[in-house]
Every structure is written in structure tokens, then in C-alpha cells.
Amino acid sequence: FQYVFVCLAYLVLVYMTWAFHALGLIGPAPLALIKACISILKAGSCAWALTCLLLFAHEVYEHVPACGLALKFLSIKGIVFFTFWQGFVIFCLQRTGALQVAKEYISEKSASQGLDPQWWDEAQLKSGLNDFLLCFEVLFFSILHWFAYPAREVERLPPQVKANVIEDNQPGVERILSA
């Protein structure tokens, strides 16, 4: 629940920081420190939300019918987890200069093919790498979703739970907890 409010605060702080920087009220060094603090705040909020979700899942696990709860959890939270850490790794690659080496390689290959060697700047390379990797992640997690959320999931449930789902005479949470 707190994650929603932290994300809203994160959005406001990012836009305020951007506006102050654009107006010349803060320089590059304080800007980097403010961005780092804001990112740490969001990462802490993500960690807390995930911890609360795991504690909740642990408490209700024995009350939930056998429906592949762990696989469902991994298929949803896995993509968020990988996307977050992927962005962090790309940021680290940029800070260490590894992306600069890739940019030089791309510029060299572009020039040899008769293309504009200045076509990709470092920000575009960072964004392109993130998008490229995201395509593979989405493919993997879409396959995982196919197994986590099968079309005929009701057929694999225990008979009592299956009867409750098919009758559907109770609202959602009550139906699941009554099984």
C-alpha cells in the first residue's frame, strides 16, 4: 500500500529536481546526489513492498488452494525484479565506461557501412540496450505466464475448491478462503 504513495512522491521529486536543474537552481553535483537519494528511497520502498507481499503469501499459503501460487508470484514479480536490476546494471555499465566502448564500436561499424557514425549517442545506446533486453525478458515471462495461468486451471483444483469456483456463489476473497 505504501508503494503507491512512495511512487507518487518519487514522481513529484523527480519532476521538481528536473525543473530546479532546468532553471539553474541546482548544479550537476547536487543533482546527482538528489537523484541517488530518490532512487534509494524507491528501491527501499520496493524492498519493503516485496517483503510484505512475501509475508502475506507465507501466512495465507495453507489457506489457498493448490493453484501454483509460487509460480504465479514469480511470473508477476520476476519481470519487475529483472527490469529494476537491469536498469541498475546498465547504469553501472554507463558509469564505468563500458557503454562508451560499445558506442565507439557501433560508431566504427556504422562508418564502415556508410552510415552516420554519430547516430547513437550514449543516452540512445542506454535506452536501446534496455529495450533490446526487455524484449527477451518479456518473451521469457510470457512463456512463464502461460504455465502459471493455464486456461484450464480449474480442472487441476481439488474437488471441493473446483465446486466452489464453478458455483461462484460467494464474492472473491470469501470464496477462496472458504475452500
N, C-alpha and C. Protein backbone atom coordinates (compact mmCIF):
# COMPACT_ATOMS: atom_id res chain seq x y z
N PHE A 1 0.81 -1.19 0.00
CA PHE A 1 0.00 0.00 0.00
C PHE A 1 0.86 1.27 0.00
N GLN A 2 1.93 1.23 0.80
CA GLN A 2 2.80 2.40 0.89
C GLN A 2 3.52 2.67 -0.43
N TYR A 3 3.69 1.65 -1.26
CA TYR A 3 4.43 1.79 -2.50
C TYR A 3 3.76 2.80 -3.43
N VAL A 4 2.45 2.84 -3.43
CA VAL A 4 1.71 3.77 -4.28
C VAL A 4 2.06 5.21 -3.91
N PHE A 5 2.07 5.49 -2.62
CA PHE A 5 2.37 6.85 -2.17
C PHE A 5 3.84 7.20 -2.39
N VAL A 6 4.72 6.23 -2.19
CA VAL A 6 6.14 6.49 -2.43
C VAL A 6 6.38 6.76 -3.92
N CYS A 7 5.70 6.03 -4.80
CA CYS A 7 5.87 6.28 -6.24
C CYS A 7 5.35 7.66 -6.63
N LEU A 8 4.25 8.08 -6.04
CA LEU A 8 3.76 9.43 -6.31
C LEU A 8 4.75 10.49 -5.82
N ALA A 9 5.29 10.27 -4.62
CA ALA A 9 6.30 11.20 -4.09
C ALA A 9 7.54 11.17 -4.97
N TYR A 10 7.92 9.99 -5.42
CA TYR A 10 9.07 9.83 -6.31
C TYR A 10 8.86 10.66 -7.59
N LEU A 11 7.68 10.55 -8.17
CA LEU A 11 7.37 11.28 -9.40
C LEU A 11 7.46 12.79 -9.17
N VAL A 12 6.87 13.26 -8.08
CA VAL A 12 6.91 14.69 -7.78
C VAL A 12 8.35 15.15 -7.56
N LEU A 13 9.13 14.39 -6.79
CA LEU A 13 10.52 14.77 -6.52
C LEU A 13 11.36 14.79 -7.79
N VAL A 14 11.15 13.82 -8.67
CA VAL A 14 11.91 13.78 -9.91
C VAL A 14 11.59 15.00 -10.77
N TYR A 15 10.32 15.33 -10.90
CA TYR A 15 9.95 16.49 -11.71
C TYR A 15 10.42 17.81 -11.08
N MET A 16 10.36 17.89 -9.76
CA MET A 16 10.85 19.10 -9.09
C MET A 16 12.36 19.24 -9.28
N THR A 17 13.07 18.14 -9.15
CA THR A 17 14.52 18.15 -9.35
C THR A 17 14.86 18.56 -10.77
N TRP A 18 14.15 17.99 -11.72
CA TRP A 18 14.37 18.32 -13.13
C TRP A 18 14.10 19.81 -13.38
N ALA A 19 13.00 20.32 -12.81
CA ALA A 19 12.65 21.73 -13.00
C ALA A 19 13.70 22.65 -12.37
N PHE A 20 14.15 22.32 -11.15
CA PHE A 20 15.18 23.14 -10.49
C PHE A 20 16.48 23.12 -11.28
N HIS A 21 16.81 21.97 -11.85
CA HIS A 21 18.03 21.88 -12.66
C HIS A 21 17.87 22.68 -13.95
N ALA A 22 16.70 22.58 -14.57
CA ALA A 22 16.46 23.32 -15.82
C ALA A 22 16.48 24.83 -15.60
N LEU A 23 16.05 25.26 -14.41
CA LEU A 23 16.05 26.68 -14.08
C LEU A 23 17.42 27.17 -13.59
N GLY A 24 18.35 26.24 -13.42
CA GLY A 24 19.69 26.60 -12.97
C GLY A 24 19.80 26.79 -11.47
N LEU A 25 18.81 26.32 -10.71
CA LEU A 25 18.85 26.48 -9.26
C LEU A 25 19.74 25.45 -8.57
N ILE A 26 19.96 24.32 -9.22
CA ILE A 26 20.89 23.32 -8.67
C ILE A 26 21.84 22.89 -9.78
N GLY A 27 23.06 22.63 -9.38
CA GLY A 27 24.09 22.24 -10.34
C GLY A 27 24.14 20.74 -10.55
N PRO A 28 25.09 20.27 -11.37
CA PRO A 28 25.18 18.84 -11.68
C PRO A 28 25.53 17.96 -10.48
N ALA A 29 26.40 18.43 -9.59
CA ALA A 29 26.81 17.61 -8.44
C ALA A 29 25.64 17.39 -7.47
N PRO A 30 24.96 18.46 -7.04
CA PRO A 30 23.80 18.22 -6.17
C PRO A 30 22.70 17.43 -6.88
N LEU A 31 22.56 17.62 -8.19
CA LEU A 31 21.55 16.89 -8.95
C LEU A 31 21.81 15.38 -8.87
N ALA A 32 23.06 14.99 -9.03
CA ALA A 32 23.40 13.57 -8.96
C ALA A 32 23.12 13.01 -7.57
N LEU A 33 23.43 13.77 -6.53
CA LEU A 33 23.18 13.33 -5.16
C LEU A 33 21.68 13.21 -4.89
N ILE A 34 20.92 14.17 -5.35
CA ILE A 34 19.46 14.13 -5.15
C ILE A 34 18.87 12.94 -5.89
N LYS A 35 19.31 12.71 -7.13
CA LYS A 35 18.80 11.56 -7.90
C LYS A 35 19.14 10.24 -7.20
N ALA A 36 20.35 10.14 -6.65
CA ALA A 36 20.75 8.91 -5.95
C ALA A 36 19.88 8.69 -4.72
N CYS A 37 19.62 9.76 -3.95
CA CYS A 37 18.78 9.64 -2.75
C CYS A 37 17.36 9.23 -3.12
N ILE A 38 16.83 9.82 -4.17
CA ILE A 38 15.47 9.49 -4.61
C ILE A 38 15.41 8.03 -5.07
N SER A 39 16.43 7.57 -5.78
CA SER A 39 16.46 6.18 -6.24
C SER A 39 16.58 5.21 -5.08
N ILE A 40 17.36 5.56 -4.08
CA ILE A 40 17.49 4.71 -2.89
C ILE A 40 16.14 4.63 -2.16
N LEU A 41 15.44 5.75 -2.09
CA LEU A 41 14.11 5.76 -1.47
C LEU A 41 13.16 4.82 -2.20
N LYS A 42 13.17 4.87 -3.53
CA LYS A 42 12.28 3.99 -4.30
C LYS A 42 12.70 2.53 -4.16
N ALA A 43 14.00 2.25 -4.17
CA ALA A 43 14.46 0.87 -4.01
C ALA A 43 14.08 0.33 -2.64
N GLY A 44 14.19 1.15 -1.61
CA GLY A 44 13.78 0.73 -0.27
C GLY A 44 12.29 0.45 -0.21
N SER A 45 11.52 1.28 -0.87
CA SER A 45 10.08 1.07 -0.90
C SER A 45 9.73 -0.23 -1.64
N CYS A 46 10.43 -0.50 -2.74
CA CYS A 46 10.22 -1.76 -3.47
C CYS A 46 10.54 -2.95 -2.58
N ALA A 47 11.66 -2.87 -1.87
CA ALA A 47 12.07 -3.97 -1.00
C ALA A 47 11.04 -4.19 0.11
N TRP A 48 10.55 -3.11 0.70
CA TRP A 48 9.55 -3.23 1.77
C TRP A 48 8.25 -3.83 1.22
N ALA A 49 7.80 -3.37 0.07
CA ALA A 49 6.57 -3.90 -0.52
C ALA A 49 6.71 -5.39 -0.84
N LEU A 50 7.86 -5.77 -1.37
CA LEU A 50 8.08 -7.18 -1.69
C LEU A 50 8.14 -8.02 -0.42
N THR A 51 8.77 -7.51 0.62
CA THR A 51 8.83 -8.23 1.90
C THR A 51 7.43 -8.43 2.46
N CYS A 52 6.62 -7.39 2.43
CA CYS A 52 5.24 -7.51 2.92
C CYS A 52 4.45 -8.51 2.09
N LEU A 53 4.66 -8.51 0.79
CA LEU A 53 3.96 -9.45 -0.08
C LEU A 53 4.37 -10.89 0.23
N LEU A 54 5.66 -11.11 0.45
CA LEU A 54 6.13 -12.45 0.80
C LEU A 54 5.59 -12.90 2.15
N LEU A 55 5.56 -12.01 3.13
CA LEU A 55 5.00 -12.36 4.43
C LEU A 55 3.51 -12.69 4.32
N PHE A 56 2.79 -11.93 3.52
CA PHE A 56 1.37 -12.21 3.29
C PHE A 56 1.19 -13.57 2.64
N ALA A 57 1.98 -13.85 1.59
CA ALA A 57 1.88 -15.13 0.89
C ALA A 57 2.19 -16.29 1.84
N HIS A 58 3.17 -16.09 2.72
CA HIS A 58 3.53 -17.14 3.68
C HIS A 58 2.38 -17.42 4.64
N GLU A 59 1.69 -16.38 5.07
CA GLU A 59 0.59 -16.54 6.02
C GLU A 59 -0.64 -17.19 5.39
N VAL A 60 -0.93 -16.90 4.14
CA VAL A 60 -2.15 -17.43 3.53
C VAL A 60 -1.90 -18.68 2.68
N TYR A 61 -0.66 -19.12 2.58
CA TYR A 61 -0.32 -20.22 1.68
C TYR A 61 -1.13 -21.48 1.98
N GLU A 62 -1.28 -21.82 3.26
CA GLU A 62 -2.00 -23.05 3.58
C GLU A 62 -3.51 -22.92 3.40
N HIS A 63 -4.01 -21.69 3.31
CA HIS A 63 -5.44 -21.47 3.12
C HIS A 63 -5.83 -21.34 1.65
N VAL A 64 -4.85 -21.19 0.78
CA VAL A 64 -5.11 -21.01 -0.64
C VAL A 64 -5.05 -22.39 -1.31
N PRO A 65 -5.99 -22.68 -2.19
CA PRO A 65 -5.95 -23.98 -2.87
C PRO A 65 -4.68 -24.15 -3.71
N ALA A 66 -4.38 -25.37 -4.01
CA ALA A 66 -3.17 -25.67 -4.80
C ALA A 66 -3.34 -25.11 -6.21
N CYS A 67 -2.86 -23.91 -6.41
CA CYS A 67 -3.05 -23.26 -7.71
C CYS A 67 -1.74 -22.71 -8.26
N GLY A 68 -0.61 -23.20 -7.78
CA GLY A 68 0.68 -22.73 -8.28
C GLY A 68 1.00 -21.31 -7.84
N LEU A 69 0.79 -21.04 -6.56
CA LEU A 69 0.99 -19.69 -6.04
C LEU A 69 2.42 -19.20 -6.26
N ALA A 70 3.40 -20.08 -6.04
CA ALA A 70 4.81 -19.67 -6.19
C ALA A 70 5.11 -19.29 -7.64
N LEU A 71 4.63 -20.08 -8.58
CA LEU A 71 4.88 -19.79 -10.00
C LEU A 71 4.17 -18.50 -10.42
N LYS A 72 2.97 -18.28 -9.91
CA LYS A 72 2.25 -17.05 -10.21
C LYS A 72 3.02 -15.84 -9.66
N PHE A 73 3.52 -15.98 -8.45
CA PHE A 73 4.29 -14.90 -7.83
C PHE A 73 5.54 -14.59 -8.65
N LEU A 74 6.27 -15.64 -9.04
CA LEU A 74 7.49 -15.43 -9.82
C LEU A 74 7.19 -14.83 -11.19
N SER A 75 6.08 -15.22 -11.80
CA SER A 75 5.79 -14.71 -13.14
C SER A 75 5.40 -13.24 -13.12
N ILE A 76 4.83 -12.77 -12.02
CA ILE A 76 4.45 -11.36 -11.93
C ILE A 76 5.61 -10.52 -11.40
N LYS A 77 6.16 -10.91 -10.27
CA LYS A 77 7.20 -10.10 -9.63
C LYS A 77 8.55 -10.26 -10.30
N GLY A 78 8.74 -11.36 -11.01
CA GLY A 78 10.03 -11.58 -11.68
C GLY A 78 10.34 -10.52 -12.71
N ILE A 79 9.35 -10.13 -13.48
CA ILE A 79 9.61 -9.13 -14.52
C ILE A 79 9.92 -7.77 -13.91
N VAL A 80 9.25 -7.44 -12.81
CA VAL A 80 9.55 -6.19 -12.11
C VAL A 80 10.97 -6.24 -11.55
N PHE A 81 11.32 -7.36 -10.94
CA PHE A 81 12.65 -7.54 -10.37
C PHE A 81 13.74 -7.43 -11.44
N PHE A 82 13.57 -8.15 -12.53
CA PHE A 82 14.59 -8.13 -13.58
C PHE A 82 14.69 -6.76 -14.25
N THR A 83 13.56 -6.10 -14.46
CA THR A 83 13.60 -4.79 -15.08
C THR A 83 14.32 -3.78 -14.19
N PHE A 84 14.06 -3.84 -12.89
CA PHE A 84 14.73 -2.93 -11.96
C PHE A 84 16.24 -3.16 -11.97
N TRP A 85 16.67 -4.40 -11.81
CA TRP A 85 18.11 -4.68 -11.74
C TRP A 85 18.78 -4.50 -13.09
N GLN A 86 18.05 -4.72 -14.16
CA GLN A 86 18.60 -4.47 -15.49
C GLN A 86 18.94 -3.00 -15.64
N GLY A 87 18.05 -2.13 -15.22
CA GLY A 87 18.31 -0.69 -15.26
C GLY A 87 19.51 -0.32 -14.42
N PHE A 88 19.65 -0.95 -13.27
CA PHE A 88 20.79 -0.69 -12.39
C PHE A 88 22.10 -1.13 -13.04
N VAL A 89 22.10 -2.31 -13.65
CA VAL A 89 23.32 -2.82 -14.31
C VAL A 89 23.70 -1.93 -15.49
N ILE A 90 22.72 -1.50 -16.28
CA ILE A 90 23.02 -0.61 -17.40
C ILE A 90 23.57 0.72 -16.90
N PHE A 91 23.03 1.22 -15.80
CA PHE A 91 23.55 2.45 -15.19
C PHE A 91 25.01 2.25 -14.77
N CYS A 92 25.31 1.10 -14.14
CA CYS A 92 26.69 0.81 -13.73
C CYS A 92 27.61 0.69 -14.94
N LEU A 93 27.13 0.09 -16.02
CA LEU A 93 27.93 -0.02 -17.24
C LEU A 93 28.23 1.37 -17.81
N GLN A 94 27.26 2.24 -17.72
CA GLN A 94 27.47 3.61 -18.21
C GLN A 94 28.49 4.33 -17.34
N ARG A 95 28.38 4.18 -16.01
CA ARG A 95 29.29 4.88 -15.10
C ARG A 95 30.72 4.36 -15.21
N THR A 96 30.90 3.07 -15.52
CA THR A 96 32.25 2.51 -15.63
C THR A 96 32.87 2.74 -16.99
N GLY A 97 32.09 3.21 -17.95
CA GLY A 97 32.62 3.49 -19.28
C GLY A 97 32.45 2.35 -20.27
N ALA A 98 31.82 1.27 -19.85
CA ALA A 98 31.62 0.13 -20.75
C ALA A 98 30.71 0.49 -21.91
N LEU A 99 29.73 1.34 -21.68
CA LEU A 99 28.85 1.75 -22.77
C LEU A 99 29.59 2.64 -23.77
N GLN A 100 30.58 3.37 -23.30
CA GLN A 100 31.38 4.20 -24.20
C GLN A 100 32.14 3.32 -25.20
N VAL A 101 32.64 2.18 -24.71
CA VAL A 101 33.33 1.23 -25.59
C VAL A 101 32.36 0.70 -26.64
N ALA A 102 31.14 0.38 -26.20
CA ALA A 102 30.11 -0.10 -27.14
C ALA A 102 29.75 0.99 -28.14
N LYS A 103 29.66 2.23 -27.68
CA LYS A 103 29.34 3.35 -28.56
C LYS A 103 30.43 3.53 -29.62
N GLU A 104 31.67 3.41 -29.21
CA GLU A 104 32.77 3.54 -30.17
C GLU A 104 32.73 2.41 -31.20
N TYR A 105 32.43 1.20 -30.75
CA TYR A 105 32.32 0.05 -31.66
C TYR A 105 31.20 0.27 -32.67
N ILE A 106 30.05 0.74 -32.18
CA ILE A 106 28.90 0.97 -33.06
C ILE A 106 29.22 2.09 -34.05
N SER A 107 29.88 3.14 -33.58
CA SER A 107 30.24 4.25 -34.47
C SER A 107 31.20 3.78 -35.55
N GLU A 108 32.16 2.93 -35.16
CA GLU A 108 33.14 2.40 -36.13
C GLU A 108 32.44 1.54 -37.18
N LYS A 109 31.54 0.66 -36.74
CA LYS A 109 30.82 -0.21 -37.67
C LYS A 109 29.87 0.60 -38.54
N SER A 110 29.24 1.61 -37.98
CA SER A 110 28.34 2.47 -38.75
C SER A 110 29.10 3.19 -39.86
N ALA A 111 30.27 3.72 -39.52
CA ALA A 111 31.08 4.44 -40.50
C ALA A 111 31.55 3.50 -41.61
N SER A 112 31.89 2.27 -41.26
CA SER A 112 32.35 1.32 -42.28
C SER A 112 31.22 0.90 -43.23
N GLN A 113 29.97 1.03 -42.76
CA GLN A 113 28.81 0.69 -43.61
C GLN A 113 28.25 1.91 -44.32
N GLY A 114 28.91 3.05 -44.15
CA GLY A 114 28.46 4.27 -44.82
C GLY A 114 27.33 4.98 -44.10
N LEU A 115 27.11 4.65 -42.83
CA LEU A 115 26.07 5.30 -42.04
C LEU A 115 26.67 6.42 -41.20
N ASP A 116 25.84 7.27 -40.70
CA ASP A 116 26.29 8.38 -39.86
C ASP A 116 26.84 7.82 -38.55
N PRO A 117 28.13 8.00 -38.25
CA PRO A 117 28.71 7.42 -37.02
C PRO A 117 28.21 8.09 -35.75
N GLN A 118 27.62 9.25 -35.85
CA GLN A 118 27.13 9.96 -34.66
C GLN A 118 25.64 9.68 -34.41
N TRP A 119 25.12 8.66 -35.06
CA TRP A 119 23.70 8.38 -34.98
C TRP A 119 23.28 7.99 -33.56
N TRP A 120 24.12 7.23 -32.85
CA TRP A 120 23.81 6.78 -31.50
C TRP A 120 24.64 7.58 -30.50
N ASP A 121 23.97 8.33 -29.62
CA ASP A 121 24.72 8.91 -28.51
C ASP A 121 24.58 7.95 -27.31
N GLU A 122 25.21 8.28 -26.21
CA GLU A 122 25.24 7.35 -25.09
C GLU A 122 23.85 7.12 -24.48
N ALA A 123 23.03 8.16 -24.42
CA ALA A 123 21.68 8.02 -23.88
C ALA A 123 20.83 7.10 -24.77
N GLN A 124 20.97 7.25 -26.10
CA GLN A 124 20.22 6.38 -27.01
C GLN A 124 20.71 4.94 -26.92
N LEU A 125 22.00 4.77 -26.74
CA LEU A 125 22.56 3.42 -26.59
C LEU A 125 22.03 2.77 -25.32
N LYS A 126 22.01 3.52 -24.23
CA LYS A 126 21.50 3.01 -22.95
C LYS A 126 20.03 2.61 -23.09
N SER A 127 19.24 3.47 -23.71
CA SER A 127 17.82 3.19 -23.90
C SER A 127 17.62 2.00 -24.85
N GLY A 128 18.39 1.96 -25.93
CA GLY A 128 18.28 0.86 -26.89
C GLY A 128 18.65 -0.48 -26.28
N LEU A 129 19.70 -0.50 -25.46
CA LEU A 129 20.11 -1.74 -24.79
C LEU A 129 19.03 -2.20 -23.83
N ASN A 130 18.46 -1.26 -23.09
CA ASN A 130 17.38 -1.59 -22.16
C ASN A 130 16.18 -2.17 -22.91
N ASP A 131 15.79 -1.55 -24.02
CA ASP A 131 14.65 -2.04 -24.81
C ASP A 131 14.93 -3.40 -25.42
N PHE A 132 16.15 -3.60 -25.91
CA PHE A 132 16.53 -4.88 -26.51
C PHE A 132 16.45 -6.01 -25.49
N LEU A 133 17.01 -5.79 -24.30
CA LEU A 133 16.96 -6.81 -23.26
C LEU A 133 15.54 -7.04 -22.77
N LEU A 134 14.74 -5.99 -22.74
CA LEU A 134 13.36 -6.12 -22.31
C LEU A 134 12.56 -7.03 -23.24
N CYS A 135 12.88 -7.03 -24.51
CA CYS A 135 12.20 -7.92 -25.47
C CYS A 135 12.42 -9.39 -25.09
N PHE A 136 13.64 -9.75 -24.71
CA PHE A 136 13.91 -11.13 -24.29
C PHE A 136 13.24 -11.46 -22.97
N GLU A 137 13.25 -10.50 -22.04
CA GLU A 137 12.60 -10.74 -20.75
C GLU A 137 11.12 -10.97 -20.92
N VAL A 138 10.48 -10.15 -21.73
CA VAL A 138 9.04 -10.29 -21.94
C VAL A 138 8.72 -11.62 -22.60
N LEU A 139 9.54 -12.04 -23.54
CA LEU A 139 9.33 -13.35 -24.16
C LEU A 139 9.41 -14.46 -23.10
N PHE A 140 10.44 -14.44 -22.28
CA PHE A 140 10.61 -15.45 -21.23
C PHE A 140 9.43 -15.42 -20.26
N PHE A 141 9.05 -14.24 -19.79
CA PHE A 141 7.98 -14.16 -18.80
C PHE A 141 6.61 -14.43 -19.41
N SER A 142 6.44 -14.21 -20.70
CA SER A 142 5.16 -14.58 -21.32
C SER A 142 5.02 -16.10 -21.36
N ILE A 143 6.12 -16.81 -21.59
CA ILE A 143 6.08 -18.28 -21.55
C ILE A 143 5.83 -18.75 -20.12
N LEU A 144 6.47 -18.10 -19.16
CA LEU A 144 6.24 -18.44 -17.75
C LEU A 144 4.78 -18.19 -17.37
N HIS A 145 4.19 -17.10 -17.86
CA HIS A 145 2.77 -16.82 -17.61
C HIS A 145 1.87 -17.90 -18.19
N TRP A 146 2.27 -18.42 -19.32
CA TRP A 146 1.47 -19.47 -19.96
C TRP A 146 1.34 -20.68 -19.04
N PHE A 147 2.43 -21.00 -18.32
CA PHE A 147 2.39 -22.13 -17.39
C PHE A 147 1.77 -21.74 -16.04
N ALA A 148 1.97 -20.50 -15.60
CA ALA A 148 1.45 -20.07 -14.30
C ALA A 148 -0.06 -19.86 -14.32
N TYR A 149 -0.57 -19.42 -15.45
CA TYR A 149 -2.00 -19.13 -15.58
C TYR A 149 -2.60 -19.93 -16.74
N PRO A 150 -2.69 -21.25 -16.60
CA PRO A 150 -3.23 -22.06 -17.70
C PRO A 150 -4.73 -21.77 -17.90
N ALA A 151 -5.18 -21.97 -19.12
CA ALA A 151 -6.58 -21.69 -19.45
C ALA A 151 -7.53 -22.62 -18.70
N ARG A 152 -7.08 -23.81 -18.41
CA ARG A 152 -7.95 -24.78 -17.73
C ARG A 152 -7.46 -25.07 -16.32
N GLU A 153 -7.14 -24.02 -15.62
CA GLU A 153 -6.61 -24.15 -14.27
C GLU A 153 -7.62 -24.78 -13.31
N VAL A 154 -8.90 -24.53 -13.52
CA VAL A 154 -9.93 -25.04 -12.62
C VAL A 154 -9.94 -26.56 -12.62
N GLU A 155 -9.60 -27.18 -13.73
CA GLU A 155 -9.65 -28.64 -13.82
C GLU A 155 -8.62 -29.31 -12.91
N ARG A 156 -7.54 -28.60 -12.55
CA ARG A 156 -6.50 -29.19 -11.71
C ARG A 156 -6.74 -28.98 -10.22
N LEU A 157 -7.76 -28.22 -9.86
CA LEU A 157 -8.02 -27.92 -8.45
C LEU A 157 -8.65 -29.11 -7.74
N PRO A 158 -8.49 -29.18 -6.41
CA PRO A 158 -9.18 -30.23 -5.65
C PRO A 158 -10.69 -30.12 -5.84
N PRO A 159 -11.42 -31.23 -5.71
CA PRO A 159 -12.86 -31.23 -6.00
C PRO A 159 -13.67 -30.18 -5.23
N GLN A 160 -13.40 -29.99 -3.93
CA GLN A 160 -14.16 -29.02 -3.14
C GLN A 160 -13.92 -27.60 -3.64
N VAL A 161 -12.68 -27.28 -3.94
CA VAL A 161 -12.34 -25.95 -4.43
C VAL A 161 -12.95 -25.75 -5.82
N LYS A 162 -12.85 -26.78 -6.66
CA LYS A 162 -13.41 -26.71 -8.01
C LYS A 162 -14.92 -26.44 -7.95
N ALA A 163 -15.62 -27.10 -7.02
CA ALA A 163 -17.06 -26.89 -6.89
C ALA A 163 -17.36 -25.45 -6.48
N ASN A 164 -16.57 -24.92 -5.56
CA ASN A 164 -16.78 -23.52 -5.12
C ASN A 164 -16.53 -22.54 -6.27
N VAL A 165 -15.53 -22.81 -7.08
CA VAL A 165 -15.21 -21.91 -8.18
C VAL A 165 -16.29 -21.96 -9.25
N ILE A 166 -16.75 -23.16 -9.55
CA ILE A 166 -17.76 -23.31 -10.60
C ILE A 166 -19.10 -22.72 -10.15
N GLU A 167 -19.50 -22.97 -8.87
CA GLU A 167 -20.76 -22.42 -8.38
C GLU A 167 -20.69 -20.90 -8.27
N ASP A 168 -19.57 -20.39 -7.80
CA ASP A 168 -19.32 -18.95 -7.72
C ASP A 168 -20.46 -18.22 -7.02
N ASN A 169 -20.89 -18.74 -5.86
CA ASN A 169 -21.97 -18.10 -5.14
C ASN A 169 -21.48 -17.16 -4.03
N GLN A 170 -20.17 -17.01 -3.90
CA GLN A 170 -19.60 -16.12 -2.89
C GLN A 170 -18.67 -15.12 -3.56
N PRO A 171 -18.50 -13.94 -2.96
CA PRO A 171 -17.53 -13.00 -3.52
C PRO A 171 -16.11 -13.55 -3.45
N GLY A 172 -15.20 -12.99 -4.25
CA GLY A 172 -13.85 -13.49 -4.46
C GLY A 172 -13.08 -13.97 -3.26
N VAL A 173 -12.74 -13.11 -2.30
CA VAL A 173 -11.89 -13.49 -1.18
C VAL A 173 -12.59 -14.52 -0.31
N GLU A 174 -13.87 -14.33 -0.04
CA GLU A 174 -14.61 -15.30 0.77
C GLU A 174 -14.63 -16.66 0.10
N ARG A 175 -14.77 -16.70 -1.22
CA ARG A 175 -14.80 -17.96 -1.96
C ARG A 175 -13.47 -18.69 -1.82
N ILE A 176 -12.38 -17.98 -1.95
CA ILE A 176 -11.06 -18.62 -1.88
C ILE A 176 -10.79 -19.11 -0.46
N LEU A 177 -11.08 -18.29 0.54
CA LEU A 177 -10.79 -18.66 1.92
C LEU A 177 -11.72 -19.73 2.46
N SER A 178 -12.88 -19.91 1.83
CA SER A 178 -13.81 -20.94 2.31
C SER A 178 -13.48 -22.32 1.75
N ALA A 179 -12.58 -22.41 0.80
CA ALA A 179 -12.28 -23.69 0.17
C ALA A 179 -11.59 -24.65 1.10
